[in-house]
Amino acid sequence: TRSLSITSVDQSMFEKAQGEKVTLPCTFVLSEEDEGPLDIEWVLIPADNQKKEQIIIMYAVDRIYNNYYAAMTGRMQFTNPDPKSGDGSLDILNLKATDTGTYQCKVKKAPGVQSQKIQLSVLVKPARTKCSIEGSQEIGKDVILKCVSQEGSPLLSYNWRRVSGVSGIQELPATSTLNKNTGELLLKNASQDYSGTYSCFASNRVGTDECSIELNVTPPINTAGVIVGAIIGTLLALFILAFLVFYCCKKQREKKYEKEVHHEIREDVPPPKSRSSTARSYIGSNRSSLGSMSPSNMEGYTKTPYSQVPSEDFERTPGQNPSFAPSKVAAPNLSRMGAVPVMIPAQSKDGSIV
């Protein structure tokens, strides 16, 4: 008995880049013996056989149902708005890496039933490719040019090319060695002729990305001069540091000394009185007291012993004590006044009391 058949069997595997669109073919031809209702169904077969198939979209009883698979909602549709015409192909828009998998188209019109599986691989194009240089860019040294893509599905392949160089040379140096899997380009025993602009091309089955870098091979650096300069700079820094430490210590000592002297000086103690002025004031006061006495009040008067005079005025050496000349003022006639004469001590030239 003749039944329906699927005619789109030419391609069973597709590789597309992320963000692109893919059309999974599913065309069929009906037979006169097929009298039942037409059903077209697309399912996603999981890699794990223990999981169930996931229906994506369905056509049944002249109606389309496309709300079975939330991950593709709004990104899938039948290629032909009227699938019963014999075209049940599926369009998937804005592909994502998670769309990778095995898809199956099932066409049923009783008694005929047919299906077809298609493998879809969504690859990511190389992107954010960066170039770098490892090693010293000096004459005679080995230099490594590195290239790596931050994004991109395997298998990635790398290739280097010199865009510009000395005297217009664009071929890679004869001593260069390229590793296409890692993207490393080794330049042995570099010379100034190796200088120039190098470009790296990262590619996979769905796209290509590139980056460029400038290589400038120079004569060796004068390491002796660098070392001498570093030593001089270090010594100068140590000298400045020592000077600062010495200056700070000196300032600290000065502040400490000023603080100690300030505490030793007592501002609340008055300065000592003059010794000579003390003695004079004492004797003068006695003279005035004696002069005012009358014979009536002299009876109870007791002479002030010399020992009560401040000793500090009489402990000086003869050279330090001021010399007093005998008083030339005549004593008053105390007999007329009815007073008792009183002897007033005087000081001779040798410092003794007379």
C-alpha atoms as a PDB file:
ATOM      1  CA  THR A   1       0.000   0.000   0.000  1.00  0.00           C
ATOM      2  CA  ARG A   2       1.350   3.371  -0.992  1.00  0.00           C
ATOM      3  CA  SER A   3       1.483   6.116   1.738  1.00  0.00           C
ATOM      4  CA  LEU A   4       2.917   9.630   2.289  1.00  0.00           C
ATOM      5  CA  SER A   5       6.685  10.156   2.038  1.00  0.00           C
ATOM      6  CA  ILE A   6       9.137  12.852   3.169  1.00  0.00           C
ATOM      7  CA  THR A   7      11.158  14.234   0.271  1.00  0.00           C
ATOM      8  CA  SER A   8      13.647  16.545   2.052  1.00  0.00           C
ATOM      9  CA  VAL A   9      16.314  14.000   2.887  1.00  0.00           C
ATOM     10  CA  ASP A  10      19.302  15.634   1.221  1.00  0.00           C
ATOM     11  CA  GLN A  11      20.766  17.340   4.329  1.00  0.00           C
ATOM     12  CA  SER A  12      20.543  15.977   7.840  1.00  0.00           C
ATOM     13  CA  MET A  13      23.097  18.249   9.604  1.00  0.00           C
ATOM     14  CA  PHE A  14      23.317  22.022   9.901  1.00  0.00           C
ATOM     15  CA  GLU A  15      25.965  24.330  11.408  1.00  0.00           C
ATOM     16  CA  LYS A  16      25.012  27.908  12.024  1.00  0.00           C
ATOM     17  CA  ALA A  17      26.432  30.843  13.899  1.00  0.00           C
ATOM     18  CA  GLN A  18      24.830  32.290  16.954  1.00  0.00           C
ATOM     19  CA  GLY A  19      22.343  35.035  16.075  1.00  0.00           C
ATOM     20  CA  GLU A  20      21.684  33.712  12.584  1.00  0.00           C
ATOM     21  CA  LYS A  21      18.584  32.038  11.140  1.00  0.00           C
ATOM     22  CA  VAL A  22      18.184  28.405  10.125  1.00  0.00           C
ATOM     23  CA  THR A  23      15.525  26.555   8.135  1.00  0.00           C
ATOM     24  CA  LEU A  24      15.099  22.891   8.982  1.00  0.00           C
ATOM     25  CA  PRO A  25      13.517  21.268   5.901  1.00  0.00           C
ATOM     26  CA  CYS A  26      10.537  18.912   6.075  1.00  0.00           C
ATOM     27  CA  THR A  27       8.672  18.547   2.769  1.00  0.00           C
ATOM     28  CA  PHE A  28       6.335  15.620   2.090  1.00  0.00           C
ATOM     29  CA  VAL A  29       4.031  14.118  -0.501  1.00  0.00           C
ATOM     30  CA  LEU A  30       0.638  12.647   0.368  1.00  0.00           C
ATOM     31  CA  SER A  31      -0.893   9.488  -1.093  1.00  0.00           C
ATOM     32  CA  GLU A  32      -4.455   8.831  -2.218  1.00  0.00           C
ATOM     33  CA  GLU A  33      -4.741   6.154   0.410  1.00  0.00           C
ATOM     34  CA  ASP A  34      -4.033   8.640   3.202  1.00  0.00           C
ATOM     35  CA  GLU A  35      -7.486   9.690   4.333  1.00  0.00           C
ATOM     36  CA  GLY A  36      -7.037  10.701   7.989  1.00  0.00           C
ATOM     37  CA  PRO A  37      -6.417  14.222   9.345  1.00  0.00           C
ATOM     38  CA  LEU A  38      -2.997  15.743   8.666  1.00  0.00           C
ATOM     39  CA  ASP A  39      -0.711  16.240  11.692  1.00  0.00           C
ATOM     40  CA  ILE A  40       2.762  17.824  11.503  1.00  0.00           C
ATOM     41  CA  GLU A  41       4.878  17.878  14.654  1.00  0.00           C
ATOM     42  CA  TRP A  42       8.401  19.113  15.460  1.00  0.00           C
ATOM     43  CA  VAL A  43      10.098  17.734  18.593  1.00  0.00           C
ATOM     44  CA  LEU A  44      13.487  18.226  20.235  1.00  0.00           C
ATOM     45  CA  ILE A  45      15.171  14.941  21.135  1.00  0.00           C
ATOM     46  CA  PRO A  46      17.296  15.330  24.304  1.00  0.00           C
ATOM     47  CA  ALA A  47      20.854  14.029  24.407  1.00  0.00           C
ATOM     48  CA  ASP A  48      19.898  12.026  27.479  1.00  0.00           C
ATOM     49  CA  ASN A  49      17.731   9.109  26.409  1.00  0.00           C
ATOM     50  CA  GLN A  50      16.131   9.028  29.848  1.00  0.00           C
ATOM     51  CA  LYS A  51      14.403  12.365  29.189  1.00  0.00           C
ATOM     52  CA  LYS A  52      11.233  12.792  27.177  1.00  0.00           C
ATOM     53  CA  GLU A  53      10.995  14.480  23.818  1.00  0.00           C
ATOM     54  CA  GLN A  54       9.979  18.126  23.920  1.00  0.00           C
ATOM     55  CA  ILE A  55       7.294  19.272  21.464  1.00  0.00           C
ATOM     56  CA  ILE A  56       8.220  22.587  19.844  1.00  0.00           C
ATOM     57  CA  ILE A  57       5.450  23.340  17.356  1.00  0.00           C
ATOM     58  CA  MET A  58       2.474  21.459  15.910  1.00  0.00           C
ATOM     59  CA  TYR A  59      -0.018  21.671  13.084  1.00  0.00           C
ATOM     60  CA  ALA A  60      -3.263  19.783  13.632  1.00  0.00           C
ATOM     61  CA  VAL A  61      -6.827  20.119  12.352  1.00  0.00           C
ATOM     62  CA  ASP A  62      -5.937  23.153  10.258  1.00  0.00           C
ATOM     63  CA  ARG A  63      -4.474  24.984  13.228  1.00  0.00           C
ATOM     64  CA  ILE A  64      -0.911  25.865  14.376  1.00  0.00           C
ATOM     65  CA  TYR A  65       0.149  25.395  18.034  1.00  0.00           C
ATOM     66  CA  ASN A  66       3.459  27.060  18.929  1.00  0.00           C
ATOM     67  CA  ASN A  67       3.354  27.555  22.688  1.00  0.00           C
ATOM     68  CA  TYR A  68       4.804  24.244  23.819  1.00  0.00           C
ATOM     69  CA  TYR A  69       8.465  25.250  24.193  1.00  0.00           C
ATOM     70  CA  ALA A  70       9.026  28.488  26.109  1.00  0.00           C
ATOM     71  CA  ALA A  71      12.759  28.677  25.233  1.00  0.00           C
ATOM     72  CA  MET A  72      11.844  29.314  21.579  1.00  0.00           C
ATOM     73  CA  THR A  73       8.677  31.329  21.983  1.00  0.00           C
ATOM     74  CA  GLY A  74       8.672  34.096  19.405  1.00  0.00           C
ATOM     75  CA  ARG A  75      11.730  32.676  17.596  1.00  0.00           C
ATOM     76  CA  MET A  76      10.168  29.810  15.597  1.00  0.00           C
ATOM     77  CA  GLN A  77       7.527  29.392  12.913  1.00  0.00           C
ATOM     78  CA  PHE A  78       6.503  27.183  10.000  1.00  0.00           C
ATOM     79  CA  THR A  79       8.230  28.268   6.815  1.00  0.00           C
ATOM     80  CA  ASN A  80       4.940  27.965   4.928  1.00  0.00           C
ATOM     81  CA  PRO A  81       1.913  29.479   6.685  1.00  0.00           C
ATOM     82  CA  ASP A  82      -0.154  26.619   5.195  1.00  0.00           C
ATOM     83  CA  PRO A  83       1.775  23.405   6.027  1.00  0.00           C
ATOM     84  CA  LYS A  84      -0.875  21.115   4.486  1.00  0.00           C
ATOM     85  CA  SER A  85       0.390  22.167   1.041  1.00  0.00           C
ATOM     86  CA  GLY A  86       3.304  19.777   1.554  1.00  0.00           C
ATOM     87  CA  ASP A  87       5.858  22.019   3.302  1.00  0.00           C
ATOM     88  CA  GLY A  88       6.246  21.524   7.035  1.00  0.00           C
ATOM     89  CA  SER A  89       9.732  23.100   7.267  1.00  0.00           C
ATOM     90  CA  LEU A  90      10.642  24.978  10.448  1.00  0.00           C
ATOM     91  CA  ASP A  91      12.366  28.388  10.752  1.00  0.00           C
ATOM     92  CA  ILE A  92      14.323  29.206  13.911  1.00  0.00           C
ATOM     93  CA  LEU A  93      15.345  32.854  14.285  1.00  0.00           C
ATOM     94  CA  ASN A  94      18.123  34.471  16.344  1.00  0.00           C
ATOM     95  CA  LEU A  95      19.836  31.206  17.103  1.00  0.00           C
ATOM     96  CA  LYS A  96      21.395  30.591  20.497  1.00  0.00           C
ATOM     97  CA  ALA A  97      24.050  28.130  21.595  1.00  0.00           C
ATOM     98  CA  THR A  98      21.398  26.347  23.665  1.00  0.00           C
ATOM     99  CA  ASP A  99      19.448  25.583  20.479  1.00  0.00           C
ATOM    100  CA  THR A 100      22.023  22.943  19.583  1.00  0.00           C
ATOM    101  CA  GLY A 101      20.432  19.495  19.442  1.00  0.00           C
ATOM    102  CA  THR A 102      18.577  16.879  17.393  1.00  0.00           C
ATOM    103  CA  TYR A 103      15.237  17.896  15.851  1.00  0.00           C
ATOM    104  CA  GLN A 104      12.665  15.514  14.408  1.00  0.00           C
ATOM    105  CA  CYS A 105       9.863  16.232  11.968  1.00  0.00           C
ATOM    106  CA  LYS A 106       6.864  13.860  12.152  1.00  0.00           C
ATOM    107  CA  VAL A 107       4.174  13.837   9.459  1.00  0.00           C
ATOM    108  CA  LYS A 108       1.045  11.768   9.972  1.00  0.00           C
ATOM    109  CA  LYS A 109      -1.983  11.210   7.792  1.00  0.00           C
ATOM    110  CA  ALA A 110      -3.523   7.852   8.466  1.00  0.00           C
ATOM    111  CA  PRO A 111      -2.617   5.318   7.563  1.00  0.00           C
ATOM    112  CA  GLY A 112       0.683   6.984   6.474  1.00  0.00           C
ATOM    113  CA  VAL A 113       3.312   8.092   9.070  1.00  0.00           C
ATOM    114  CA  GLN A 114       6.824   9.374   8.309  1.00  0.00           C
ATOM    115  CA  SER A 115       9.587  11.188  10.265  1.00  0.00           C
ATOM    116  CA  GLN A 116      13.000  12.717   9.707  1.00  0.00           C
ATOM    117  CA  LYS A 117      15.809  13.714  12.118  1.00  0.00           C
ATOM    118  CA  ILE A 118      18.075  16.732  11.658  1.00  0.00           C
ATOM    119  CA  GLN A 119      21.165  17.613  13.710  1.00  0.00           C
ATOM    120  CA  LEU A 120      21.626  21.333  14.441  1.00  0.00           C
ATOM    121  CA  SER A 121      24.873  22.807  15.813  1.00  0.00           C
ATOM    122  CA  VAL A 122      24.830  26.447  16.825  1.00  0.00           C
ATOM    123  CA  LEU A 123      28.400  27.761  16.948  1.00  0.00           C
ATOM    124  CA  VAL A 124      29.769  30.989  18.356  1.00  0.00           C
ATOM    125  CA  LYS A 125      31.969  33.077  16.100  1.00  0.00           C
ATOM    126  CA  PRO A 126      35.408  34.074  17.400  1.00  0.00           C
ATOM    127  CA  ALA A 127      35.157  37.406  19.220  1.00  0.00           C
ATOM    128  CA  ARG A 128      37.201  39.706  21.455  1.00  0.00           C
ATOM    129  CA  THR A 129      40.468  38.416  20.027  1.00  0.00           C
ATOM    130  CA  LYS A 130      43.541  39.938  21.703  1.00  0.00           C
ATOM    131  CA  CYS A 131      47.188  40.041  20.639  1.00  0.00           C
ATOM    132  CA  SER A 132      50.171  40.342  22.989  1.00  0.00           C
ATOM    133  CA  ILE A 133      53.972  40.086  23.046  1.00  0.00           C
ATOM    134  CA  GLU A 134      55.932  37.917  25.458  1.00  0.00           C
ATOM    135  CA  GLY A 135      59.662  38.352  25.908  1.00  0.00           C
ATOM    136  CA  SER A 136      62.160  41.163  25.461  1.00  0.00           C
ATOM    137  CA  GLN A 137      62.005  43.028  22.155  1.00  0.00           C
ATOM    138  CA  GLU A 138      65.798  43.208  21.882  1.00  0.00           C
ATOM    139  CA  ILE A 139      68.099  42.149  19.118  1.00  0.00           C
ATOM    140  CA  GLY A 140      69.168  38.524  19.537  1.00  0.00           C
ATOM    141  CA  LYS A 141      66.324  37.632  21.923  1.00  0.00           C
ATOM    142  CA  ASP A 142      63.437  35.220  21.302  1.00  0.00           C
ATOM    143  CA  VAL A 143      60.024  36.878  21.012  1.00  0.00           C
ATOM    144  CA  ILE A 144      56.601  35.190  21.209  1.00  0.00           C
ATOM    145  CA  LEU A 145      53.519  36.778  19.663  1.00  0.00           C
ATOM    146  CA  LYS A 146      50.358  35.487  21.347  1.00  0.00           C
ATOM    147  CA  CYS A 147      46.781  35.475  20.093  1.00  0.00           C
ATOM    148  CA  VAL A 148      43.635  34.310  21.910  1.00  0.00           C
ATOM    149  CA  SER A 149      39.889  34.776  21.423  1.00  0.00           C
ATOM    150  CA  GLN A 150      37.738  35.356  24.498  1.00  0.00           C
ATOM    151  CA  GLU A 151      34.705  33.892  22.713  1.00  0.00           C
ATOM    152  CA  GLY A 152      34.272  31.280  20.034  1.00  0.00           C
ATOM    153  CA  SER A 153      33.210  27.674  19.654  1.00  0.00           C
ATOM    154  CA  PRO A 154      35.883  25.062  19.076  1.00  0.00           C
ATOM    155  CA  LEU A 155      37.709  24.149  17.131  1.00  0.00           C
ATOM    156  CA  LEU A 156      39.435  27.512  16.825  1.00  0.00           C
ATOM    157  CA  SER A 157      42.330  27.923  14.447  1.00  0.00           C
ATOM    158  CA  TYR A 158      44.859  30.785  14.544  1.00  0.00           C
ATOM    159  CA  ASN A 159      47.017  32.187  11.794  1.00  0.00           C
ATOM    160  CA  TRP A 160      49.565  35.056  11.771  1.00  0.00           C
ATOM    161  CA  ARG A 161      50.518  37.411   8.989  1.00  0.00           C
ATOM    162  CA  ARG A 162      52.868  40.382   8.809  1.00  0.00           C
ATOM    163  CA  VAL A 163      50.909  43.325   7.464  1.00  0.00           C
ATOM    164  CA  SER A 164      53.838  45.747   7.159  1.00  0.00           C
ATOM    165  CA  GLY A 165      57.555  45.585   7.836  1.00  0.00           C
ATOM    166  CA  VAL A 166      60.978  47.036   7.134  1.00  0.00           C
ATOM    167  CA  SER A 167      61.550  47.690   3.401  1.00  0.00           C
ATOM    168  CA  GLY A 168      57.976  46.598   2.676  1.00  0.00           C
ATOM    169  CA  ILE A 169      58.599  42.957   3.633  1.00  0.00           C
ATOM    170  CA  GLN A 170      55.304  41.248   4.560  1.00  0.00           C
ATOM    171  CA  GLU A 171      56.310  37.602   4.817  1.00  0.00           C
ATOM    172  CA  LEU A 172      56.846  36.038   8.214  1.00  0.00           C
ATOM    173  CA  PRO A 173      60.513  35.769   9.263  1.00  0.00           C
ATOM    174  CA  ALA A 174      62.265  32.589   8.231  1.00  0.00           C
ATOM    175  CA  THR A 175      62.958  31.657  11.871  1.00  0.00           C
ATOM    176  CA  SER A 176      59.293  31.917  12.904  1.00  0.00           C
ATOM    177  CA  THR A 177      57.297  28.926  14.148  1.00  0.00           C
ATOM    178  CA  LEU A 178      53.477  28.989  14.286  1.00  0.00           C
ATOM    179  CA  ASN A 179      51.190  26.919  16.505  1.00  0.00           C
ATOM    180  CA  LYS A 180      47.704  27.169  14.972  1.00  0.00           C
ATOM    181  CA  ASN A 181      45.976  25.568  17.955  1.00  0.00           C
ATOM    182  CA  THR A 182      47.388  27.915  20.622  1.00  0.00           C
ATOM    183  CA  GLY A 183      47.907  31.001  18.464  1.00  0.00           C
ATOM    184  CA  GLU A 184      51.583  31.452  19.426  1.00  0.00           C
ATOM    185  CA  LEU A 185      54.122  32.698  16.886  1.00  0.00           C
ATOM    186  CA  LEU A 186      57.755  32.167  17.994  1.00  0.00           C
ATOM    187  CA  LEU A 187      60.396  34.473  16.522  1.00  0.00           C
ATOM    188  CA  LYS A 188      63.901  33.203  17.311  1.00  0.00           C
ATOM    189  CA  ASN A 189      67.003  35.395  17.416  1.00  0.00           C
ATOM    190  CA  ALA A 190      65.045  38.516  16.550  1.00  0.00           C
ATOM    191  CA  SER A 191      66.642  41.243  14.466  1.00  0.00           C
ATOM    192  CA  GLN A 192      65.547  44.767  13.564  1.00  0.00           C
ATOM    193  CA  ASP A 193      64.271  43.384  10.238  1.00  0.00           C
ATOM    194  CA  TYR A 194      61.568  41.598  12.219  1.00  0.00           C
ATOM    195  CA  SER A 195      60.009  44.903  13.240  1.00  0.00           C
ATOM    196  CA  GLY A 196      56.587  45.665  11.815  1.00  0.00           C
ATOM    197  CA  THR A 197      52.849  45.176  12.263  1.00  0.00           C
ATOM    198  CA  TYR A 198      51.569  41.633  12.727  1.00  0.00           C
ATOM    199  CA  SER A 199      47.923  40.498  12.493  1.00  0.00           C
ATOM    200  CA  CYS A 200      46.349  37.368  13.942  1.00  0.00           C
ATOM    201  CA  PHE A 201      43.244  35.717  12.444  1.00  0.00           C
ATOM    202  CA  ALA A 202      41.130  33.460  14.670  1.00  0.00           C
ATOM    203  CA  SER A 203      38.559  31.338  12.855  1.00  0.00           C
ATOM    204  CA  ASN A 204      36.185  28.431  13.198  1.00  0.00           C
ATOM    205  CA  ARG A 205      33.550  26.958  10.912  1.00  0.00           C
ATOM    206  CA  VAL A 206      31.171  29.891  11.268  1.00  0.00           C
ATOM    207  CA  GLY A 207      33.275  33.030  11.433  1.00  0.00           C
ATOM    208  CA  THR A 208      36.586  34.911  11.769  1.00  0.00           C
ATOM    209  CA  ASP A 209      37.984  37.588  14.044  1.00  0.00           C
ATOM    210  CA  GLU A 210      41.344  39.364  14.063  1.00  0.00           C
ATOM    211  CA  CYS A 211      43.692  41.607  16.055  1.00  0.00           C
ATOM    212  CA  SER A 212      46.967  43.415  15.329  1.00  0.00           C
ATOM    213  CA  ILE A 213      50.107  44.337  17.255  1.00  0.00           C
ATOM    214  CA  GLU A 214      53.265  46.361  16.616  1.00  0.00           C
ATOM    215  CA  LEU A 215      56.671  44.687  17.074  1.00  0.00           C
ATOM    216  CA  ASN A 216      59.689  46.993  17.507  1.00  0.00           C
ATOM    217  CA  VAL A 217      63.012  45.189  17.872  1.00  0.00           C
ATOM    218  CA  THR A 218      65.660  47.481  19.433  1.00  0.00           C
ATOM    219  CA  PRO A 219      69.343  47.204  20.503  1.00  0.00           C
ATOM    220  CA  PRO A 220      70.020  45.847  24.003  1.00  0.00           C
ATOM    221  CA  ILE A 221      69.633  48.239  26.904  1.00  0.00           C
ATOM    222  CA  ASN A 222      72.790  49.454  28.695  1.00  0.00           C
ATOM    223  CA  THR A 223      72.288  47.466  31.852  1.00  0.00           C
ATOM    224  CA  ALA A 224      75.493  48.757  33.476  1.00  0.00           C
ATOM    225  CA  GLY A 225      74.260  52.351  33.285  1.00  0.00           C
ATOM    226  CA  VAL A 226      70.898  51.331  34.691  1.00  0.00           C
ATOM    227  CA  ILE A 227      72.555  49.581  37.647  1.00  0.00           C
ATOM    228  CA  VAL A 228      74.838  52.544  38.388  1.00  0.00           C
ATOM    229  CA  GLY A 229      71.897  54.924  38.220  1.00  0.00           C
ATOM    230  CA  ALA A 230      69.913  52.710  40.566  1.00  0.00           C
ATOM    231  CA  ILE A 231      72.797  52.603  43.076  1.00  0.00           C
ATOM    232  CA  ILE A 232      73.247  56.384  42.995  1.00  0.00           C
ATOM    233  CA  GLY A 233      69.544  56.924  43.425  1.00  0.00           C
ATOM    234  CA  THR A 234      69.470  54.533  46.392  1.00  0.00           C
ATOM    235  CA  LEU A 235      72.416  56.236  48.114  1.00  0.00           C
ATOM    236  CA  LEU A 236      70.864  59.647  47.572  1.00  0.00           C
ATOM    237  CA  ALA A 237      67.593  58.460  49.056  1.00  0.00           C
ATOM    238  CA  LEU A 238      69.422  57.026  52.097  1.00  0.00           C
ATOM    239  CA  PHE A 239      71.305  60.306  52.590  1.00  0.00           C
ATOM    240  CA  ILE A 240      68.103  62.321  52.513  1.00  0.00           C
ATOM    241  CA  LEU A 241      66.482  59.887  54.927  1.00  0.00           C
ATOM    242  CA  ALA A 242      69.421  60.118  57.361  1.00  0.00           C
ATOM    243  CA  PHE A 243      69.351  63.920  57.200  1.00  0.00           C
ATOM    244  CA  LEU A 244      65.653  63.984  57.981  1.00  0.00           C
ATOM    245  CA  VAL A 245      66.122  61.625  60.943  1.00  0.00           C
ATOM    246  CA  PHE A 246      68.980  63.761  62.303  1.00  0.00           C
ATOM    247  CA  TYR A 247      66.992  66.958  61.902  1.00  0.00           C
ATOM    248  CA  CYS A 248      63.956  65.507  63.657  1.00  0.00           C
ATOM    249  CA  CYS A 249      66.077  64.201  66.560  1.00  0.00           C
ATOM    250  CA  LYS A 250      67.737  67.591  66.958  1.00  0.00           C
ATOM    251  CA  LYS A 251      64.408  69.383  67.054  1.00  0.00           C
ATOM    252  CA  GLN A 252      63.122  66.872  69.579  1.00  0.00           C
ATOM    253  CA  ARG A 253      66.104  67.432  71.888  1.00  0.00           C
ATOM    254  CA  GLU A 254      65.689  71.208  71.680  1.00  0.00           C
ATOM    255  CA  LYS A 255      62.027  70.988  72.598  1.00  0.00           C
ATOM    256  CA  LYS A 256      62.829  68.671  75.510  1.00  0.00           C
ATOM    257  CA  TYR A 257      65.521  71.054  76.844  1.00  0.00           C
ATOM    258  CA  GLU A 258      63.221  74.079  76.612  1.00  0.00           C
ATOM    259  CA  LYS A 259      60.526  72.172  78.474  1.00  0.00           C
ATOM    260  CA  GLU A 260      62.894  71.179  81.310  1.00  0.00           C
ATOM    261  CA  VAL A 261      64.202  74.749  81.738  1.00  0.00           C
ATOM    262  CA  HIS A 262      60.676  76.084  81.800  1.00  0.00           C
ATOM    263  CA  HIS A 263      59.725  73.760  84.645  1.00  0.00           C
ATOM    264  CA  GLU A 264      62.833  74.672  86.695  1.00  0.00           C
ATOM    265  CA  ILE A 265      61.997  78.396  86.730  1.00  0.00           C
ATOM    266  CA  ARG A 266      59.400  79.135  89.395  1.00  0.00           C
ATOM    267  CA  GLU A 267      57.572  82.285  88.654  1.00  0.00           C
ATOM    268  CA  ASP A 268      55.799  82.424  92.028  1.00  0.00           C
ATOM    269  CA  VAL A 269      59.089  82.947  94.058  1.00  0.00           C
ATOM    270  CA  PRO A 270      60.041  86.651  94.312  1.00  0.00           C
ATOM    271  CA  PRO A 271      63.675  87.646  93.677  1.00  0.00           C
ATOM    272  CA  PRO A 272      65.923  87.908  96.788  1.00  0.00           C
ATOM    273  CA  LYS A 273      66.279  91.292  98.434  1.00  0.00           C
ATOM    274  CA  SER A 274      69.539  93.159  98.472  1.00  0.00           C
ATOM    275  CA  ARG A 275      71.564  92.392 101.590  1.00  0.00           C
ATOM    276  CA  SER A 276      72.840  95.919 102.014  1.00  0.00           C
ATOM    277  CA  SER A 277      69.356  97.372 101.681  1.00  0.00           C
ATOM    278  CA  THR A 278      68.084  94.912 104.302  1.00  0.00           C
ATOM    279  CA  ALA A 279      70.726  95.964 106.829  1.00  0.00           C
ATOM    280  CA  ARG A 280      70.207  99.680 106.182  1.00  0.00           C
ATOM    281  CA  SER A 281      66.468  99.434 106.521  1.00  0.00           C
ATOM    282  CA  TYR A 282      66.857  97.514 109.768  1.00  0.00           C
ATOM    283  CA  ILE A 283      69.285 100.032 111.358  1.00  0.00           C
ATOM    284  CA  GLY A 284      67.276 102.978 110.114  1.00  0.00           C
ATOM    285  CA  SER A 285      64.148 101.655 111.720  1.00  0.00           C
ATOM    286  CA  ASN A 286      65.952 101.290 115.044  1.00  0.00           C
ATOM    287  CA  ARG A 287      67.245 104.862 114.879  1.00  0.00           C
ATOM    288  CA  SER A 288      63.824 106.252 114.281  1.00  0.00           C
ATOM    289  CA  SER A 289      62.464 104.200 117.134  1.00  0.00           C
ATOM    290  CA  LEU A 290      65.133 105.402 119.562  1.00  0.00           C
ATOM    291  CA  GLY A 291      64.802 109.018 118.555  1.00  0.00           C
ATOM    292  CA  SER A 292      61.134 109.036 119.405  1.00  0.00           C
ATOM    293  CA  MET A 293      61.555 107.559 122.853  1.00  0.00           C
ATOM    294  CA  SER A 294      61.224 109.716 125.956  1.00  0.00           C
ATOM    295  CA  PRO A 295      62.855 109.167 129.357  1.00  0.00           C
ATOM    296  CA  SER A 296      59.512 107.943 130.631  1.00  0.00           C
ATOM    297  CA  ASN A 297      59.223 105.042 128.194  1.00  0.00           C
ATOM    298  CA  MET A 298      62.865 104.060 128.200  1.00  0.00           C
ATOM    299  CA  GLU A 299      62.572 102.221 131.505  1.00  0.00           C
ATOM    300  CA  GLY A 300      61.122  99.091 129.970  1.00  0.00           C
ATOM    301  CA  TYR A 301      63.224  99.334 126.885  1.00  0.00           C
ATOM    302  CA  THR A 302      65.696  96.621 126.280  1.00  0.00           C
ATOM    303  CA  LYS A 303      68.475  97.131 123.820  1.00  0.00           C
ATOM    304  CA  THR A 304      68.241  95.071 120.736  1.00  0.00           C
ATOM    305  CA  PRO A 305      71.182  92.707 120.724  1.00  0.00           C
ATOM    306  CA  TYR A 306      73.347  92.731 117.693  1.00  0.00           C
ATOM    307  CA  SER A 307      72.654  89.095 117.165  1.00  0.00           C
ATOM    308  CA  GLN A 308      69.097  89.929 116.035  1.00  0.00           C
ATOM    309  CA  VAL A 309      70.325  92.006 113.126  1.00  0.00           C
ATOM    310  CA  PRO A 310      70.092  89.916 109.930  1.00  0.00           C
ATOM    311  CA  SER A 311      73.306  87.957 109.830  1.00  0.00           C
ATOM    312  CA  GLU A 312      73.459  87.952 106.054  1.00  0.00           C
ATOM    313  CA  ASP A 313      74.592  91.577 106.086  1.00  0.00           C
ATOM    314  CA  PHE A 314      77.459  90.864 108.472  1.00  0.00           C
ATOM    315  CA  GLU A 315      78.754  87.627 107.084  1.00  0.00           C
ATOM    316  CA  ARG A 316      80.376  89.298 104.132  1.00  0.00           C
ATOM    317  CA  THR A 317      84.092  89.562 103.824  1.00  0.00           C
ATOM    318  CA  PRO A 318      85.606  92.920 104.541  1.00  0.00           C
ATOM    319  CA  GLY A 319      86.000  93.605 100.841  1.00  0.00           C
ATOM    320  CA  GLN A 320      82.307  92.940 100.110  1.00  0.00           C
ATOM    321  CA  ASN A 321      80.794  95.085 102.927  1.00  0.00           C
ATOM    322  CA  PRO A 322      80.295  98.731 102.151  1.00  0.00           C
ATOM    323  CA  SER A 323      82.266 101.078 104.401  1.00  0.00           C
ATOM    324  CA  PHE A 324      80.309 103.448 106.532  1.00  0.00           C
ATOM    325  CA  ALA A 325      81.879 106.695 107.719  1.00  0.00           C
ATOM    326  CA  PRO A 326      81.318 107.696 111.283  1.00  0.00           C
ATOM    327  CA  SER A 327      78.293 109.798 111.662  1.00  0.00           C
ATOM    328  CA  LYS A 328      79.131 113.521 111.826  1.00  0.00           C
ATOM    329  CA  VAL A 329      75.738 114.505 113.051  1.00  0.00           C
ATOM    330  CA  ALA A 330      75.923 115.454 116.673  1.00  0.00           C
ATOM    331  CA  ALA A 331      73.709 113.611 119.024  1.00  0.00           C
ATOM    332  CA  PRO A 332      71.044 115.756 120.574  1.00  0.00           C
ATOM    333  CA  ASN A 333      71.474 116.932 124.171  1.00  0.00           C
ATOM    334  CA  LEU A 334      69.412 114.326 125.823  1.00  0.00           C
ATOM    335  CA  SER A 335      70.011 115.839 129.281  1.00  0.00           C
ATOM    336  CA  ARG A 336      68.038 118.864 128.357  1.00  0.00           C
ATOM    337  CA  MET A 337      65.277 116.688 126.996  1.00  0.00           C
ATOM    338  CA  GLY A 338      65.336 114.562 130.070  1.00  0.00           C
ATOM    339  CA  ALA A 339      66.236 111.530 128.031  1.00  0.00           C
ATOM    340  CA  VAL A 340      68.894 108.947 128.541  1.00  0.00           C
ATOM    341  CA  PRO A 341      71.634 109.042 125.962  1.00  0.00           C
ATOM    342  CA  VAL A 342      71.791 106.012 123.669  1.00  0.00           C
ATOM    343  CA  MET A 343      74.812 104.721 121.816  1.00  0.00           C
ATOM    344  CA  ILE A 344      74.267 104.100 118.086  1.00  0.00           C
ATOM    345  CA  PRO A 345      76.515 101.494 116.627  1.00  0.00           C
ATOM    346  CA  ALA A 346      78.673 102.395 113.690  1.00  0.00           C
ATOM    347  CA  GLN A 347      80.786 100.359 111.369  1.00  0.00           C
ATOM    348  CA  SER A 348      84.500 100.974 110.964  1.00  0.00           C
ATOM    349  CA  LYS A 349      86.526 100.581 107.745  1.00  0.00           C
ATOM    350  CA  ASP A 350      87.612  97.078 108.657  1.00  0.00           C
ATOM    351  CA  GLY A 351      83.956  95.952 108.989  1.00  0.00           C
ATOM    352  CA  SER A 352      83.828  95.761 112.791  1.00  0.00           C
ATOM    353  CA  ILE A 353      81.043  97.285 114.813  1.00  0.00           C
ATOM    354  CA  VAL A 354      82.002 100.342 116.893  1.00  0.00           C
END
